[in-house]
Amino acid sequence: MILTFNNGYPDYIGYRQAFVGNGTGPASYVTGGDPTTLQNSRRLIDIIFPALTPSGNYFLVPYPAAVGERQAWTVKWLYAKSSLGTLFSEVTSGTNLSAETPEMAGFCGQY
């Protein structure tokens, strides 16, 4: 998923930048997570905060590849409604999430 910045973002806080952006879920989810980047490849993610999709169907839980700066980030999609699957379990591989447009926030830096 590529997060597209909302109008007015990113915004500087000292040397770091806060961002809010939205993206589109994958057409075919792969168990293990959805690789996530920012629209501007010069900005690397420091942290992304967990989110709930506007539909309320899914929780998004981000995690880095390792500790430290300039890490790759992945977002796991979890069921937020028991009618879709086991609550808080990872979405099944192959699930079409392209109708979901989550909004996420975090901090990034320019390198």
C-alpha atoms as a PDB file:
ATOM      1  CA  MET A   1       0.000   0.000   0.000  1.00  0.00           C
ATOM      2  CA  ILE A   2       1.244   3.463  -0.850  1.00  0.00           C
ATOM      3  CA  LEU A   3       0.003   6.136   1.541  1.00  0.00           C
ATOM      4  CA  THR A   4      -0.888   9.372  -0.252  1.00  0.00           C
ATOM      5  CA  PHE A   5      -0.508  12.412   1.999  1.00  0.00           C
ATOM      6  CA  ASN A   6      -3.619  14.363   2.922  1.00  0.00           C
ATOM      7  CA  ASN A   7      -3.612  18.072   2.115  1.00  0.00           C
ATOM      8  CA  GLY A   8      -1.202  19.948   4.397  1.00  0.00           C
ATOM      9  CA  TYR A   9       1.000  16.941   5.190  1.00  0.00           C
ATOM     10  CA  PRO A  10       3.687  16.146   5.996  1.00  0.00           C
ATOM     11  CA  ASP A  11       4.167  18.839   8.598  1.00  0.00           C
ATOM     12  CA  TYR A  12       7.530  19.529  10.250  1.00  0.00           C
ATOM     13  CA  ILE A  13       8.041  18.987  13.966  1.00  0.00           C
ATOM     14  CA  GLY A  14      11.667  19.913  14.507  1.00  0.00           C
ATOM     15  CA  TYR A  15      13.664  17.761  12.086  1.00  0.00           C
ATOM     16  CA  ARG A  16      10.958  15.085  11.784  1.00  0.00           C
ATOM     17  CA  GLN A  17       7.659  15.185   9.927  1.00  0.00           C
ATOM     18  CA  ALA A  18       4.168  14.149  11.001  1.00  0.00           C
ATOM     19  CA  PHE A  19       1.928  12.729   8.293  1.00  0.00           C
ATOM     20  CA  VAL A  20      -1.635  11.650   7.678  1.00  0.00           C
ATOM     21  CA  GLY A  21      -2.423   9.803   4.498  1.00  0.00           C
ATOM     22  CA  ASN A  22      -4.658   7.243   2.927  1.00  0.00           C
ATOM     23  CA  GLY A  23      -4.162   4.235   0.717  1.00  0.00           C
ATOM     24  CA  THR A  24      -6.030   1.399  -0.917  1.00  0.00           C
ATOM     25  CA  GLY A  25      -6.027  -2.188   0.285  1.00  0.00           C
ATOM     26  CA  PRO A  26      -4.564  -4.922  -1.918  1.00  0.00           C
ATOM     27  CA  ALA A  27      -6.718  -6.724  -4.486  1.00  0.00           C
ATOM     28  CA  SER A  28      -5.374 -10.031  -3.143  1.00  0.00           C
ATOM     29  CA  TYR A  29      -4.048  -9.925   0.418  1.00  0.00           C
ATOM     30  CA  VAL A  30      -0.958 -12.012   1.167  1.00  0.00           C
ATOM     31  CA  THR A  31      -0.694 -13.525   4.665  1.00  0.00           C
ATOM     32  CA  GLY A  32       2.112 -11.807   6.533  1.00  0.00           C
ATOM     33  CA  GLY A  33       1.129  -8.291   5.598  1.00  0.00           C
ATOM     34  CA  ASP A  34       0.910  -5.534   3.053  1.00  0.00           C
ATOM     35  CA  PRO A  35       4.227  -3.695   2.384  1.00  0.00           C
ATOM     36  CA  THR A  36       3.576  -0.013   3.062  1.00  0.00           C
ATOM     37  CA  THR A  37       5.424   3.073   1.810  1.00  0.00           C
ATOM     38  CA  LEU A  38       4.831   6.794   1.440  1.00  0.00           C
ATOM     39  CA  GLN A  39       4.032   8.543  -1.845  1.00  0.00           C
ATOM     40  CA  ASN A  40       7.367  10.369  -1.751  1.00  0.00           C
ATOM     41  CA  SER A  41      10.197   7.828  -1.852  1.00  0.00           C
ATOM     42  CA  ARG A  42      12.609  10.337  -0.248  1.00  0.00           C
ATOM     43  CA  ARG A  43      10.558  10.197   2.957  1.00  0.00           C
ATOM     44  CA  LEU A  44      11.068   7.089   5.050  1.00  0.00           C
ATOM     45  CA  ILE A  45       8.707   5.968   7.785  1.00  0.00           C
ATOM     46  CA  ASP A  46       9.807   6.264  11.421  1.00  0.00           C
ATOM     47  CA  ILE A  47       6.532   4.868  12.768  1.00  0.00           C
ATOM     48  CA  ILE A  48       2.948   4.285  11.651  1.00  0.00           C
ATOM     49  CA  PHE A  49       0.095   4.167  14.148  1.00  0.00           C
ATOM     50  CA  PRO A  50      -2.504   1.365  14.140  1.00  0.00           C
ATOM     51  CA  ALA A  51      -5.807   2.239  12.469  1.00  0.00           C
ATOM     52  CA  LEU A  52      -9.350   1.054  11.862  1.00  0.00           C
ATOM     53  CA  THR A  53     -10.738   1.198   8.322  1.00  0.00           C
ATOM     54  CA  PRO A  54     -13.637   3.635   7.761  1.00  0.00           C
ATOM     55  CA  SER A  55     -15.939   0.644   7.153  1.00  0.00           C
ATOM     56  CA  GLY A  56     -15.047  -0.684  10.605  1.00  0.00           C
ATOM     57  CA  ASN A  57     -14.291  -4.091   9.095  1.00  0.00           C
ATOM     58  CA  TYR A  58     -10.519  -4.234   9.620  1.00  0.00           C
ATOM     59  CA  PHE A  59      -7.803  -3.212  12.061  1.00  0.00           C
ATOM     60  CA  LEU A  60      -4.441  -2.318  10.535  1.00  0.00           C
ATOM     61  CA  VAL A  61      -1.404  -3.149  12.634  1.00  0.00           C
ATOM     62  CA  PRO A  62       1.911  -1.820  11.263  1.00  0.00           C
ATOM     63  CA  TYR A  63       5.305  -3.287  12.092  1.00  0.00           C
ATOM     64  CA  PRO A  64       8.901  -2.579  10.965  1.00  0.00           C
ATOM     65  CA  ALA A  65      11.294  -5.092   9.398  1.00  0.00           C
ATOM     66  CA  ALA A  66      13.804  -4.402  12.213  1.00  0.00           C
ATOM     67  CA  VAL A  67      14.681  -1.867  14.895  1.00  0.00           C
ATOM     68  CA  GLY A  68      16.322   1.358  13.769  1.00  0.00           C
ATOM     69  CA  GLU A  69      16.021   4.033  11.133  1.00  0.00           C
ATOM     70  CA  ARG A  70      15.232   3.497   7.451  1.00  0.00           C
ATOM     71  CA  GLN A  71      13.307   0.274   7.973  1.00  0.00           C
ATOM     72  CA  ALA A  72      10.704  -1.197   5.641  1.00  0.00           C
ATOM     73  CA  TRP A  73       7.167  -1.271   7.061  1.00  0.00           C
ATOM     74  CA  THR A  74       4.377  -3.788   6.630  1.00  0.00           C
ATOM     75  CA  VAL A  75       0.745  -3.562   7.693  1.00  0.00           C
ATOM     76  CA  LYS A  76      -1.158  -6.644   8.841  1.00  0.00           C
ATOM     77  CA  TRP A  77      -4.886  -6.551   8.201  1.00  0.00           C
ATOM     78  CA  LEU A  78      -6.940  -8.091  11.037  1.00  0.00           C
ATOM     79  CA  TYR A  79     -10.668  -8.784  11.227  1.00  0.00           C
ATOM     80  CA  ALA A  80     -12.491  -6.170  13.325  1.00  0.00           C
ATOM     81  CA  LYS A  81     -15.896  -7.874  13.005  1.00  0.00           C
ATOM     82  CA  SER A  82     -16.545 -11.471  13.946  1.00  0.00           C
ATOM     83  CA  SER A  83     -19.012 -11.759  11.049  1.00  0.00           C
ATOM     84  CA  LEU A  84     -16.034 -11.560   8.635  1.00  0.00           C
ATOM     85  CA  GLY A  85     -13.676 -13.949  10.437  1.00  0.00           C
ATOM     86  CA  THR A  86     -12.196 -14.696  13.849  1.00  0.00           C
ATOM     87  CA  LEU A  87     -11.942 -11.360  15.659  1.00  0.00           C
ATOM     88  CA  PHE A  88      -8.363  -9.948  15.656  1.00  0.00           C
ATOM     89  CA  SER A  89      -7.045 -12.757  13.444  1.00  0.00           C
ATOM     90  CA  GLU A  90      -5.178 -11.989  10.238  1.00  0.00           C
ATOM     91  CA  VAL A  91      -7.229 -11.686   7.078  1.00  0.00           C
ATOM     92  CA  THR A  92      -7.203 -14.797   4.896  1.00  0.00           C
ATOM     93  CA  SER A  93      -4.790 -14.878   1.941  1.00  0.00           C
ATOM     94  CA  GLY A  94      -6.463 -13.895  -1.308  1.00  0.00           C
ATOM     95  CA  THR A  95      -9.042 -11.602   0.334  1.00  0.00           C
ATOM     96  CA  ASN A  96      -9.870  -8.626  -1.886  1.00  0.00           C
ATOM     97  CA  LEU A  97      -9.365  -5.466   0.192  1.00  0.00           C
ATOM     98  CA  SER A  98      -9.275  -3.012  -2.724  1.00  0.00           C
ATOM     99  CA  ALA A  99     -12.573  -1.394  -1.653  1.00  0.00           C
ATOM    100  CA  GLU A 100     -11.006  -0.440   1.704  1.00  0.00           C
ATOM    101  CA  THR A 101      -9.294   2.967   1.934  1.00  0.00           C
ATOM    102  CA  PRO A 102      -7.680   3.261   5.350  1.00  0.00           C
ATOM    103  CA  GLU A 103      -6.340   6.522   6.701  1.00  0.00           C
ATOM    104  CA  MET A 104      -3.123   6.229   8.663  1.00  0.00           C
ATOM    105  CA  ALA A 105      -0.802   8.588  10.515  1.00  0.00           C
ATOM    106  CA  GLY A 106       2.744   8.528  11.772  1.00  0.00           C
ATOM    107  CA  PHE A 107       6.137  10.169  11.627  1.00  0.00           C
ATOM    108  CA  CYS A 108       8.632  10.172   8.790  1.00  0.00           C
ATOM    109  CA  GLY A 109      11.962  11.650   7.837  1.00  0.00           C
ATOM    110  CA  GLN A 110      13.678  12.789   4.689  1.00  0.00           C
ATOM    111  CA  TYR A 111      16.991  11.124   3.862  1.00  0.00           C
END
